[in-house]
C-alpha atoms as a PDB file:
ATOM      1  CA  MET A   1      -5.764 -29.706  -0.548  1.00  0.00           C
ATOM      2  CA  ASP A   2      -8.649 -27.581   0.759  1.00  0.00           C
ATOM      3  CA  PHE A   3      -6.210 -25.555   2.856  1.00  0.00           C
ATOM      4  CA  SER A   4      -3.997 -24.844  -0.164  1.00  0.00           C
ATOM      5  CA  PHE A   5      -6.980 -23.933  -2.337  1.00  0.00           C
ATOM      6  CA  GLY A   6      -8.243 -21.525   0.316  1.00  0.00           C
ATOM      7  CA  LEU A   7      -4.819 -19.881   0.530  1.00  0.00           C
ATOM      8  CA  MET A   8      -4.639 -19.542  -3.253  1.00  0.00           C
ATOM      9  CA  ALA A   9      -8.120 -18.007  -3.396  1.00  0.00           C
ATOM     10  CA  ALA A  10      -7.307 -15.528  -0.623  1.00  0.00           C
ATOM     11  CA  ALA A  11      -3.983 -14.624  -2.263  1.00  0.00           C
ATOM     12  CA  ALA A  12      -5.712 -14.130  -5.625  1.00  0.00           C
ATOM     13  CA  ALA A  13      -8.307 -11.806  -4.088  1.00  0.00           C
ATOM     14  CA  ILE A  14      -5.617  -9.800  -2.318  1.00  0.00           C
ATOM     15  CA  GLY A  15      -3.577  -9.728  -5.538  1.00  0.00           C
ATOM     16  CA  VAL A  16      -6.530  -8.118  -7.320  1.00  0.00           C
ATOM     17  CA  VAL A  17      -6.635  -5.383  -4.666  1.00  0.00           C
ATOM     18  CA  VAL A  18      -2.873  -4.870  -4.950  1.00  0.00           C
ATOM     19  CA  GLY A  19      -3.148  -4.578  -8.729  1.00  0.00           C
ATOM     20  CA  LEU A  20      -6.011  -2.096  -8.393  1.00  0.00           C
ATOM     21  CA  THR A  21      -4.421   0.178  -5.819  1.00  0.00           C
ATOM     22  CA  GLY A  22      -0.666  -0.420  -5.960  1.00  0.00           C
ATOM     23  CA  MET A  23      -0.748  -1.088  -2.230  1.00  0.00           C
ATOM     24  CA  GLY A  24       1.671  -3.571  -0.697  1.00  0.00           C
ATOM     25  CA  GLY A  25       0.184  -7.028  -0.248  1.00  0.00           C
ATOM     26  CA  GLY A  26       1.850  -7.616   3.124  1.00  0.00           C
ATOM     27  CA  ALA A  27      -0.593  -5.271   4.844  1.00  0.00           C
ATOM     28  CA  LEU A  28      -3.434  -7.554   3.704  1.00  0.00           C
ATOM     29  CA  MET A  29      -1.926 -11.025   3.294  1.00  0.00           C
ATOM     30  CA  THR A  30      -0.236 -11.354   6.669  1.00  0.00           C
ATOM     31  CA  PRO A  31      -3.293 -10.474   8.807  1.00  0.00           C
ATOM     32  CA  THR A  32      -5.410 -12.712   6.555  1.00  0.00           C
ATOM     33  CA  LEU A  33      -3.103 -15.639   7.258  1.00  0.00           C
ATOM     34  CA  VAL A  34      -3.247 -14.989  10.997  1.00  0.00           C
ATOM     35  CA  LEU A  35      -6.922 -14.122  11.458  1.00  0.00           C
ATOM     36  CA  PHE A  36      -8.592 -16.456   8.945  1.00  0.00           C
ATOM     37  CA  PHE A  37      -6.161 -19.388   8.621  1.00  0.00           C
ATOM     38  CA  ASN A  38      -4.910 -19.434  12.237  1.00  0.00           C
ATOM     39  CA  ILE A  39      -1.289 -19.415  11.112  1.00  0.00           C
ATOM     40  CA  PRO A  40       1.172 -18.252  13.816  1.00  0.00           C
ATOM     41  CA  ALA A  41       2.135 -14.619  13.311  1.00  0.00           C
ATOM     42  CA  PRO A  42       5.907 -15.221  12.873  1.00  0.00           C
ATOM     43  CA  VAL A  43       5.225 -17.930  10.274  1.00  0.00           C
ATOM     44  CA  ALA A  44       2.702 -15.708   8.459  1.00  0.00           C
ATOM     45  CA  VAL A  45       5.176 -12.819   8.338  1.00  0.00           C
ATOM     46  CA  SER A  46       8.030 -15.034   7.153  1.00  0.00           C
ATOM     47  CA  SER A  47       6.013 -16.863   4.502  1.00  0.00           C
ATOM     48  CA  ASP A  48       4.546 -13.640   3.131  1.00  0.00           C
ATOM     49  CA  ILE A  49       7.967 -11.981   2.910  1.00  0.00           C
ATOM     50  CA  VAL A  50       9.452 -14.945   1.029  1.00  0.00           C
ATOM     51  CA  ALA A  51       6.476 -14.903  -1.350  1.00  0.00           C
ATOM     52  CA  ALA A  52       6.973 -11.172  -1.898  1.00  0.00           C
ATOM     53  CA  ALA A  53      10.670 -11.724  -2.615  1.00  0.00           C
ATOM     54  CA  ALA A  54       9.671 -14.148  -5.369  1.00  0.00           C
ATOM     55  CA  MET A  55       7.023 -11.880  -6.924  1.00  0.00           C
ATOM     56  CA  LYS A  56       8.280  -8.302  -6.670  1.00  0.00           C
ATOM     57  CA  PRO A  57      11.033  -8.634  -9.325  1.00  0.00           C
ATOM     58  CA  PHE A  58       8.372  -9.233 -12.011  1.00  0.00           C
ATOM     59  CA  GLY A  59       6.602  -5.944 -11.335  1.00  0.00           C
ATOM     60  CA  SER A  60       9.920  -4.147 -10.925  1.00  0.00           C
ATOM     61  CA  TRP A  61      11.079  -5.204 -14.380  1.00  0.00           C
ATOM     62  CA  VAL A  62       8.068  -3.492 -15.949  1.00  0.00           C
ATOM     63  CA  HIS A  63       8.991  -0.166 -14.345  1.00  0.00           C
ATOM     64  CA  ILE A  64      12.670  -0.578 -15.186  1.00  0.00           C
ATOM     65  CA  ARG A  65      11.749  -1.215 -18.815  1.00  0.00           C
ATOM     66  CA  ASN A  66       9.463   1.843 -18.838  1.00  0.00           C
ATOM     67  CA  LYS A  67      12.195   3.976 -17.206  1.00  0.00           C
ATOM     68  CA  THR A  68       9.970   5.061 -14.328  1.00  0.00           C
ATOM     69  CA  VAL A  69      12.591   4.411 -11.632  1.00  0.00           C
ATOM     70  CA  ASN A  70      14.683   7.050  -9.874  1.00  0.00           C
ATOM     71  CA  TRP A  71      17.858   5.078  -9.226  1.00  0.00           C
ATOM     72  CA  GLN A  72      19.381   7.724  -6.947  1.00  0.00           C
ATOM     73  CA  LEU A  73      16.482   7.377  -4.525  1.00  0.00           C
ATOM     74  CA  VAL A  74      16.524   3.578  -4.822  1.00  0.00           C
ATOM     75  CA  ARG A  75      20.185   3.536  -3.821  1.00  0.00           C
ATOM     76  CA  LEU A  76      19.628   5.784  -0.786  1.00  0.00           C
ATOM     77  CA  LEU A  77      16.620   3.804   0.394  1.00  0.00           C
ATOM     78  CA  VAL A  78      18.495   0.510   0.032  1.00  0.00           C
ATOM     79  CA  TYR A  79      21.397   1.852   2.115  1.00  0.00           C
ATOM     80  CA  GLY A  80      18.991   2.038   5.041  1.00  0.00           C
ATOM     81  CA  SER A  81      16.400  -0.625   4.338  1.00  0.00           C
ATOM     82  CA  VAL A  82      18.504  -3.710   3.580  1.00  0.00           C
ATOM     83  CA  PRO A  83      20.470  -3.861   6.857  1.00  0.00           C
ATOM     84  CA  ALA A  84      17.420  -2.604   8.787  1.00  0.00           C
ATOM     85  CA  ALA A  85      15.207  -5.396   7.404  1.00  0.00           C
ATOM     86  CA  PHE A  86      17.731  -8.000   8.545  1.00  0.00           C
ATOM     87  CA  LEU A  87      17.891  -6.256  11.913  1.00  0.00           C
ATOM     88  CA  GLY A  88      14.097  -6.313  12.189  1.00  0.00           C
ATOM     89  CA  VAL A  89      14.092 -10.104  11.899  1.00  0.00           C
ATOM     90  CA  LEU A  90      16.839 -10.356  14.516  1.00  0.00           C
ATOM     91  CA  LEU A  91      14.820  -8.135  16.860  1.00  0.00           C
ATOM     92  CA  GLN A  92      11.783 -10.351  16.391  1.00  0.00           C
ATOM     93  CA  HIS A  93      13.705 -13.459  17.443  1.00  0.00           C
ATOM     94  CA  ALA A  94      15.573 -11.741  20.266  1.00  0.00           C
ATOM     95  CA  VAL A  95      12.341 -11.432  22.250  1.00  0.00           C
ATOM     96  CA  GLY A  96      12.615 -14.884  23.805  1.00  0.00           C
ATOM     97  CA  ASN A  97      10.492 -18.030  23.762  1.00  0.00           C
ATOM     98  CA  PRO A  98       8.000 -18.837  20.954  1.00  0.00           C
ATOM     99  CA  GLU A  99       5.022 -17.527  22.942  1.00  0.00           C
ATOM    100  CA  ALA A 100       6.756 -14.187  23.509  1.00  0.00           C
ATOM    101  CA  VAL A 101       7.722 -13.989  19.825  1.00  0.00           C
ATOM    102  CA  GLU A 102       4.102 -14.657  18.820  1.00  0.00           C
ATOM    103  CA  ALA A 103       2.750 -11.954  21.141  1.00  0.00           C
ATOM    104  CA  PHE A 104       5.421  -9.446  20.123  1.00  0.00           C
ATOM    105  CA  THR A 105       4.871 -10.061  16.408  1.00  0.00           C
ATOM    106  CA  LYS A 106       1.100  -9.629  16.737  1.00  0.00           C
ATOM    107  CA  LYS A 107       1.503  -6.332  18.572  1.00  0.00           C
ATOM    108  CA  ALA A 108       4.066  -5.041  16.070  1.00  0.00           C
ATOM    109  CA  LEU A 109       1.820  -6.121  13.194  1.00  0.00           C
ATOM    110  CA  GLY A 110      -1.209  -4.446  14.763  1.00  0.00           C
ATOM    111  CA  ILE A 111       0.628  -1.148  15.148  1.00  0.00           C
ATOM    112  CA  ALA A 112       1.971  -1.376  11.588  1.00  0.00           C
ATOM    113  CA  LEU A 113      -1.517  -2.018  10.187  1.00  0.00           C
ATOM    114  CA  ILE A 114      -3.012   0.975  12.003  1.00  0.00           C
ATOM    115  CA  VAL A 115      -0.139   3.172  10.784  1.00  0.00           C
ATOM    116  CA  ALA A 116      -0.695   1.848   7.250  1.00  0.00           C
ATOM    117  CA  SER A 117      -4.406   2.688   7.528  1.00  0.00           C
ATOM    118  CA  ALA A 118      -3.575   6.237   8.562  1.00  0.00           C
ATOM    119  CA  GLY A 119      -1.013   6.385   5.765  1.00  0.00           C
ATOM    120  CA  LEU A 120      -3.626   5.542   3.143  1.00  0.00           C
ATOM    121  CA  LEU A 121      -5.799   8.408   4.364  1.00  0.00           C
ATOM    122  CA  LEU A 122      -2.795  10.741   4.365  1.00  0.00           C
ATOM    123  CA  ARG A 123      -1.997   9.698   0.808  1.00  0.00           C
ATOM    124  CA  ALA A 124      -5.584  10.474  -0.262  1.00  0.00           C
ATOM    125  CA  TYR A 125      -5.413  13.881   1.434  1.00  0.00           C
ATOM    126  CA  MET A 126      -2.120  14.749  -0.278  1.00  0.00           C
ATOM    127  CA  ARG A 127      -3.574  13.833  -3.665  1.00  0.00           C
ATOM    128  CA  LEU A 128      -6.690  15.931  -3.037  1.00  0.00           C
ATOM    129  CA  ARG A 129      -4.554  18.887  -2.014  1.00  0.00           C
ATOM    130  CA  GLU A 130      -2.441  18.546  -5.169  1.00  0.00           C
ATOM    131  CA  ARG A 131      -5.619  18.520  -7.284  1.00  0.00           C
ATOM    132  CA  ALA A 132      -6.850  21.653  -5.533  1.00  0.00           C
ATOM    133  CA  ARG A 133      -3.550  23.467  -6.070  1.00  0.00           C
ATOM    134  CA  ALA A 134      -3.403  22.440  -9.720  1.00  0.00           C
ATOM    135  CA  ARG A 135      -6.983  23.634 -10.247  1.00  0.00           C
ATOM    136  CA  ASP A 136      -6.343  26.989  -8.565  1.00  0.00           C
ATOM    137  CA  GLY A 137      -3.048  27.520 -10.356  1.00  0.00           C
ATOM    138  CA  SER A 138      -1.163  27.864  -7.069  1.00  0.00           C
ATOM    139  CA  ALA A 139       1.128  24.969  -7.978  1.00  0.00           C
ATOM    140  CA  ALA A 140       3.475  24.934 -10.926  1.00  0.00           C
ATOM    141  CA  PRO A 141       2.527  22.265 -13.469  1.00  0.00           C
ATOM    142  CA  LEU A 142       4.682  19.175 -13.453  1.00  0.00           C
ATOM    143  CA  PRO A 143       7.070  18.962 -16.393  1.00  0.00           C
ATOM    144  CA  LYS A 144       6.272  16.503 -19.144  1.00  0.00           C
ATOM    145  CA  GLU A 145       9.709  14.955 -18.910  1.00  0.00           C
ATOM    146  CA  ARG A 146      10.962  13.260 -15.787  1.00  0.00           C
ATOM    147  CA  PRO A 147      11.750  16.003 -13.233  1.00  0.00           C
ATOM    148  CA  ASP A 148      15.293  16.493 -12.037  1.00  0.00           C
ATOM    149  CA  VAL A 149      14.809  15.509  -8.397  1.00  0.00           C
ATOM    150  CA  VAL A 150      17.496  16.587  -5.968  1.00  0.00           C
ATOM    151  CA  PRO A 151      18.082  13.703  -3.535  1.00  0.00           C
ATOM    152  CA  ARG A 152      17.866  14.351   0.200  1.00  0.00           C
ATOM    153  CA  PRO A 153      20.261  11.673   1.479  1.00  0.00           C
ATOM    154  CA  ILE A 154      19.747  11.686   5.239  1.00  0.00           C
ATOM    155  CA  PRO A 155      15.904  11.807   5.305  1.00  0.00           C
ATOM    156  CA  THR A 156      15.731   9.196   2.531  1.00  0.00           C
ATOM    157  CA  ILE A 157      18.075   6.791   4.322  1.00  0.00           C
ATOM    158  CA  ILE A 158      16.065   7.272   7.523  1.00  0.00           C
ATOM    159  CA  VAL A 159      12.891   6.357   5.625  1.00  0.00           C
ATOM    160  CA  GLY A 160      14.660   3.237   4.395  1.00  0.00           C
ATOM    161  CA  VAL A 161      15.727   2.285   7.920  1.00  0.00           C
ATOM    162  CA  ILE A 162      12.219   2.711   9.368  1.00  0.00           C
ATOM    163  CA  GLY A 163      10.606   0.874   6.466  1.00  0.00           C
ATOM    164  CA  GLY A 164      13.172  -1.922   6.621  1.00  0.00           C
ATOM    165  CA  VAL A 165      12.668  -2.563  10.329  1.00  0.00           C
ATOM    166  CA  MET A 166       8.881  -2.620   9.900  1.00  0.00           C
ATOM    167  CA  VAL A 167       9.062  -5.037   6.979  1.00  0.00           C
ATOM    168  CA  GLY A 168      11.436  -7.351   8.835  1.00  0.00           C
ATOM    169  CA  LEU A 169       9.154  -7.377  11.879  1.00  0.00           C
ATOM    170  CA  THR A 170       5.719  -7.406  10.238  1.00  0.00           C
ATOM    171  CA  SER A 171       6.063  -7.653   6.397  1.00  0.00           C
ATOM    172  CA  VAL A 172       4.117  -4.338   6.251  1.00  0.00           C
ATOM    173  CA  GLY A 173       5.669  -1.159   4.924  1.00  0.00           C
ATOM    174  CA  SER A 174       7.380  -1.646   1.564  1.00  0.00           C
ATOM    175  CA  GLY A 175       4.304  -0.769  -0.496  1.00  0.00           C
ATOM    176  CA  SER A 176       2.129   1.174   1.916  1.00  0.00           C
ATOM    177  CA  LEU A 177       4.384   3.352   4.073  1.00  0.00           C
ATOM    178  CA  ILE A 178       7.591   4.051   2.161  1.00  0.00           C
ATOM    179  CA  ILE A 179       5.710   5.356  -0.866  1.00  0.00           C
ATOM    180  CA  ILE A 180       3.862   7.866   1.347  1.00  0.00           C
ATOM    181  CA  ALA A 181       7.161   9.096   2.754  1.00  0.00           C
ATOM    182  CA  LEU A 182       8.478   9.477  -0.804  1.00  0.00           C
ATOM    183  CA  MET A 183       5.416  11.549  -1.715  1.00  0.00           C
ATOM    184  CA  ALA A 184       6.158  13.897   1.182  1.00  0.00           C
ATOM    185  CA  LEU A 185       9.899  14.141   0.521  1.00  0.00           C
ATOM    186  CA  TYR A 186       9.712  14.387  -3.290  1.00  0.00           C
ATOM    187  CA  PRO A 187       6.397  15.969  -4.385  1.00  0.00           C
ATOM    188  CA  ALA A 188       7.807  16.608  -7.880  1.00  0.00           C
ATOM    189  CA  LEU A 189       7.930  12.895  -8.660  1.00  0.00           C
ATOM    190  CA  LYS A 190       5.168  11.721 -10.952  1.00  0.00           C
ATOM    191  CA  ALA A 191       2.882   8.930  -9.768  1.00  0.00           C
ATOM    192  CA  SER A 192       4.480   6.365 -12.059  1.00  0.00           C
ATOM    193  CA  GLN A 193       7.922   7.227 -10.689  1.00  0.00           C
ATOM    194  CA  LEU A 194       6.735   6.956  -7.102  1.00  0.00           C
ATOM    195  CA  VAL A 195       5.367   3.483  -7.724  1.00  0.00           C
ATOM    196  CA  GLY A 196       8.357   2.375  -9.807  1.00  0.00           C
ATOM    197  CA  THR A 197      10.943   3.664  -7.347  1.00  0.00           C
ATOM    198  CA  ASP A 198       9.142   2.156  -4.376  1.00  0.00           C
ATOM    199  CA  LEU A 199       8.678  -1.196  -6.092  1.00  0.00           C
ATOM    200  CA  VAL A 200      12.315  -1.511  -7.208  1.00  0.00           C
ATOM    201  CA  GLN A 201      13.755  -0.545  -3.810  1.00  0.00           C
ATOM    202  CA  ALA A 202      11.449  -3.115  -2.220  1.00  0.00           C
ATOM    203  CA  VAL A 203      13.169  -5.984  -4.055  1.00  0.00           C
ATOM    204  CA  PRO A 204      16.481  -5.960  -2.117  1.00  0.00           C
ATOM    205  CA  LEU A 205      14.533  -4.988   1.002  1.00  0.00           C
ATOM    206  CA  VAL A 206      12.286  -8.059   1.021  1.00  0.00           C
ATOM    207  CA  VAL A 207      15.126 -10.308  -0.195  1.00  0.00           C
ATOM    208  CA  SER A 208      17.177  -9.256   2.831  1.00  0.00           C
ATOM    209  CA  ALA A 209      14.252  -9.933   5.167  1.00  0.00           C
ATOM    210  CA  ALA A 210      13.502 -13.240   3.393  1.00  0.00           C
ATOM    211  CA  ILE A 211      17.090 -14.443   3.814  1.00  0.00           C
ATOM    212  CA  ALA A 212      16.945 -13.666   7.526  1.00  0.00           C
ATOM    213  CA  HIS A 213      13.624 -15.487   7.953  1.00  0.00           C
ATOM    214  CA  LEU A 214      14.936 -18.487   6.008  1.00  0.00           C
ATOM    215  CA  MET A 215      17.947 -18.604   8.328  1.00  0.00           C
ATOM    216  CA  PHE A 216      15.638 -18.857  11.339  1.00  0.00           C
ATOM    217  CA  GLY A 217      13.490 -21.523   9.683  1.00  0.00           C
ATOM    218  CA  ASP A 218      10.119 -19.790  10.152  1.00  0.00           C
ATOM    219  CA  VAL A 219       9.025 -20.181   6.524  1.00  0.00           C
ATOM    220  CA  ASP A 220       6.260 -22.711   5.870  1.00  0.00           C
ATOM    221  CA  TRP A 221       6.389 -23.693   2.206  1.00  0.00           C
ATOM    222  CA  GLU A 222       2.879 -25.136   2.392  1.00  0.00           C
ATOM    223  CA  VAL A 223       1.776 -21.549   2.989  1.00  0.00           C
ATOM    224  CA  THR A 224       4.283 -19.725   0.801  1.00  0.00           C
ATOM    225  CA  ILE A 225       3.767 -21.651  -2.456  1.00  0.00           C
ATOM    226  CA  PRO A 226      -0.054 -21.271  -2.587  1.00  0.00           C
ATOM    227  CA  VAL A 227       0.335 -17.562  -1.785  1.00  0.00           C
ATOM    228  CA  ILE A 228       2.696 -17.140  -4.740  1.00  0.00           C
ATOM    229  CA  LEU A 229       0.494 -19.170  -7.094  1.00  0.00           C
ATOM    230  CA  GLY A 230      -2.605 -17.190  -6.174  1.00  0.00           C
ATOM    231  CA  SER A 231      -1.036 -13.726  -6.053  1.00  0.00           C
ATOM    232  CA  ILE A 232       0.469 -13.687  -9.545  1.00  0.00           C
ATOM    233  CA  PRO A 233      -2.782 -14.052 -11.557  1.00  0.00           C
ATOM    234  CA  GLY A 234      -4.680 -11.928  -9.037  1.00  0.00           C
ATOM    235  CA  THR A 235      -2.245  -9.034  -9.331  1.00  0.00           C
ATOM    236  CA  TYR A 236      -2.308  -9.257 -13.109  1.00  0.00           C
ATOM    237  CA  LEU A 237      -6.117  -9.159 -13.143  1.00  0.00           C
ATOM    238  CA  GLY A 238      -6.178  -6.219 -10.751  1.00  0.00           C
ATOM    239  CA  ALA A 239      -3.754  -4.289 -12.934  1.00  0.00           C
ATOM    240  CA  GLN A 240      -6.000  -4.893 -15.940  1.00  0.00           C
ATOM    241  CA  LEU A 241      -9.050  -3.666 -14.003  1.00  0.00           C
ATOM    242  CA  SER A 242      -7.312  -0.599 -12.579  1.00  0.00           C
ATOM    243  CA  SER A 243      -8.232   1.531 -15.584  1.00  0.00           C
ATOM    244  CA  ARG A 244     -11.941   0.638 -15.213  1.00  0.00           C
ATOM    245  CA  VAL A 245     -12.452   0.718 -11.445  1.00  0.00           C
ATOM    246  CA  GLY A 246     -11.934   3.812  -9.300  1.00  0.00           C
ATOM    247  CA  GLY A 247      -9.122   3.192  -6.855  1.00  0.00           C
ATOM    248  CA  GLY A 248     -10.141   5.934  -4.410  1.00  0.00           C
ATOM    249  CA  LEU A 249     -13.133   4.106  -2.973  1.00  0.00           C
ATOM    250  CA  VAL A 250     -11.150   0.857  -2.788  1.00  0.00           C
ATOM    251  CA  ARG A 251      -8.363   2.586  -0.836  1.00  0.00           C
ATOM    252  CA  ARG A 252     -10.789   4.049   1.680  1.00  0.00           C
ATOM    253  CA  ALA A 253     -12.362   0.634   2.188  1.00  0.00           C
ATOM    254  CA  LEU A 254      -8.866  -0.792   2.637  1.00  0.00           C
ATOM    255  CA  ALA A 255      -8.133   1.794   5.316  1.00  0.00           C
ATOM    256  CA  MET A 256     -11.131   0.478   7.264  1.00  0.00           C
ATOM    257  CA  VAL A 257     -10.039  -3.141   6.784  1.00  0.00           C
ATOM    258  CA  LEU A 258      -6.514  -2.365   7.962  1.00  0.00           C
ATOM    259  CA  LEU A 259      -7.874  -0.514  11.000  1.00  0.00           C
ATOM    260  CA  ILE A 260     -10.037  -3.493  12.004  1.00  0.00           C
ATOM    261  CA  SER A 261      -7.203  -5.969  11.412  1.00  0.00           C
ATOM    262  CA  GLY A 262      -4.781  -3.861  13.424  1.00  0.00           C
ATOM    263  CA  LEU A 263      -7.160  -3.576  16.379  1.00  0.00           C
ATOM    264  CA  LYS A 264      -7.791  -7.335  16.394  1.00  0.00           C
ATOM    265  CA  MET A 265      -4.043  -7.999  16.295  1.00  0.00           C
ATOM    266  CA  LEU A 266      -3.707  -5.805  19.389  1.00  0.00           C
ATOM    267  CA  GLY A 267      -6.356  -7.877  21.155  1.00  0.00           C
ATOM    268  CA  VAL A 268      -9.095  -5.245  21.168  1.00  0.00           C
ATOM    269  CA  SER A 269     -12.548  -6.642  21.937  1.00  0.00           C
ATOM    270  CA  ASN A 270     -15.176  -7.073  19.239  1.00  0.00           C
ATOM    271  CA  GLN A 271     -17.380  -4.387  20.821  1.00  0.00           C
ATOM    272  CA  ALA A 272     -14.576  -1.822  20.881  1.00  0.00           C
ATOM    273  CA  THR A 273     -13.542  -2.752  17.328  1.00  0.00           C
ATOM    274  CA  LEU A 274     -17.115  -2.303  16.090  1.00  0.00           C
ATOM    275  CA  ALA A 275     -17.366   1.060  17.846  1.00  0.00           C
ATOM    276  CA  ALA A 276     -14.086   2.185  16.255  1.00  0.00           C
ATOM    277  CA  LEU A 277     -15.313   1.049  12.837  1.00  0.00           C
ATOM    278  CA  LEU A 278     -18.601   2.931  13.173  1.00  0.00           C
ATOM    279  CA  LEU A 279     -16.780   6.035  14.365  1.00  0.00           C
ATOM    280  CA  ALA A 280     -14.383   5.805  11.422  1.00  0.00           C
ATOM    281  CA  LEU A 281     -17.220   5.271   8.933  1.00  0.00           C
ATOM    282  CA  VAL A 282     -19.452   8.087  10.165  1.00  0.00           C
ATOM    283  CA  GLY A 283     -16.900  10.531  11.481  1.00  0.00           C
ATOM    284  CA  GLY A 284     -14.414   9.822   8.705  1.00  0.00           C
ATOM    285  CA  THR A 285     -17.018  10.289   5.977  1.00  0.00           C
ATOM    286  CA  LEU A 286     -18.196  13.621   7.422  1.00  0.00           C
ATOM    287  CA  ALA A 287     -14.627  14.834   7.993  1.00  0.00           C
ATOM    288  CA  TRP A 288     -13.629  13.916   4.432  1.00  0.00           C
ATOM    289  CA  ALA A 289     -16.689  15.709   3.040  1.00  0.00           C
ATOM    290  CA  LEU A 290     -15.762  18.858   4.983  1.00  0.00           C
ATOM    291  CA  ILE A 291     -12.163  18.664   3.753  1.00  0.00           C
ATOM    292  CA  ARG A 292     -13.424  18.387   0.168  1.00  0.00           C
ATOM    293  CA  ARG A 293     -15.705  21.388   0.654  1.00  0.00           C
ATOM    294  CA  GLN A 294     -12.900  23.417   2.233  1.00  0.00           C
ATOM    295  CA  MET A 295     -10.738  22.750  -0.831  1.00  0.00           C
ATOM    296  CA  GLY A 296     -13.507  23.784  -3.210  1.00  0.00           C
ATOM    297  CA  PHE A 297     -14.743  20.345  -4.268  1.00  0.00           C
ATOM    298  CA  PRO A 298     -18.290  18.971  -3.913  1.00  0.00           C
ATOM    299  CA  LEU A 299     -18.994  17.312  -0.578  1.00  0.00           C
ATOM    300  CA  PHE A 300     -19.180  13.836  -2.073  1.00  0.00           C
ATOM    301  CA  ILE A 301     -17.469  12.173  -5.031  1.00  0.00           C
ATOM    302  CA  TRP A 302     -20.785  11.134  -6.605  1.00  0.00           C
ATOM    303  CA  GLN A 303     -21.742  14.806  -6.851  1.00  0.00           C
ATOM    304  CA  ALA A 304     -18.522  15.558  -8.714  1.00  0.00           C
ATOM    305  CA  LYS A 305     -19.096  12.633 -11.069  1.00  0.00           C
ATOM    306  CA  ARG A 306     -22.667  13.772 -11.758  1.00  0.00           C
ATOM    307  CA  ALA A 307     -21.450  17.325 -12.476  1.00  0.00           C
ATOM    308  CA  ARG A 308     -18.760  16.048 -14.866  1.00  0.00           C
ATOM    309  CA  ALA A 309     -21.282  13.840 -16.662  1.00  0.00           C
ATOM    310  CA  ALA A 310     -23.693  16.766 -17.077  1.00  0.00           C
ATOM    311  CA  GLU A 311     -20.903  18.984 -18.400  1.00  0.00           C
ATOM    312  CA  GLN A 312     -19.783  16.332 -20.890  1.00  0.00           C
ATOM    313  CA  ALA A 313     -23.362  15.878 -22.094  1.00  0.00           C
ATOM    314  CA  LYS A 314     -23.720  19.632 -22.544  1.00  0.00           C
ATOM    315  CA  ARG A 315     -20.492  19.790 -24.564  1.00  0.00           C
ATOM    316  CA  ALA A 316     -21.566  16.864 -26.720  1.00  0.00           C
ATOM    317  CA  GLU A 317     -24.891  18.556 -27.394  1.00  0.00           C
ATOM    318  CA  ALA A 318     -23.190  21.829 -28.285  1.00  0.00           C
ATOM    319  CA  ALA A 319     -20.832  20.035 -30.663  1.00  0.00           C
ATOM    320  CA  GLU A 320     -23.696  18.607 -32.719  1.00  0.00           C
ATOM    321  CA  PRO A 321     -24.657  20.572 -35.850  1.00  0.00           C
ATOM    322  CA  GLY A 322     -28.162  21.205 -34.545  1.00  0.00           C
ATOM    323  CA  GLY A 323     -26.820  22.333 -31.212  1.00  0.00           C
ATOM    324  CA  LYS A 324     -24.475  24.849 -32.795  1.00  0.00           C
ATOM    325  CA  GLU A 325     -27.271  26.331 -34.910  1.00  0.00           C
ATOM    326  CA  GLY A 326     -29.558  26.622 -31.912  1.00  0.00           C
END
């Protein structure tokens, strides 16, 4: 009972983060199951994928109803991701004995988490660059209606293949890596379309991986059911809070968490992990401040917020009758 309650609480907390940021839960849930609940890596991956297969259709329906899905891109991604996800599970179990599968899965998961951490930072950089271009007028404004995106079949299918293999092996990739690749391939897509397209294509992807894991019998329903029960209300709460809490700071904190989790999965010592974390915190903060300054923004976000607040106060004062007369 205590074990199930702990799983539900962890899943709810991770669901809140997913709702806040739109990030895939596999990058957080799977390492949590391994590092904090001592669940074998293959079982953690399998149980998380089956839970995702049960939950993702609910979020997908919202985007389908709101017409924020590019079905051409979904089709191309699925061409690559569905067979690749099944293949990823086969590769995992072709390693050999259970000990070898455990070691292989941990290493693959560690690499995927570090790549996902780097991907979050890349996504933040791309957004900052878009803001700078929009401010300077060097980028054409996005149309109000959904843009007519010209599909790029081969690169999109390749993205699906890479994402599918990673999800089948590690459960990481459908919500943290594929969406970054879509941003790079199709910069004209609006944010809502990126999220909607990525979420809908992830449904057949995780279903394919879930079927393969169920065939091999790695799924532990005592893990999967509490994860589902905790994730649903957590994700809903996070979505409700997303309009009140800044997602940028949360994403940067997540990048650090993913980095630490990835290093621990690779067996890096605590001392080396702490050194990497300190380097990322100090060096990353300074590097990000310099990038902001280079693009014409204040060094730190709090400076920008203070400047916006002062400007809004000045406008409010000028709009008052007494302010206009003065």
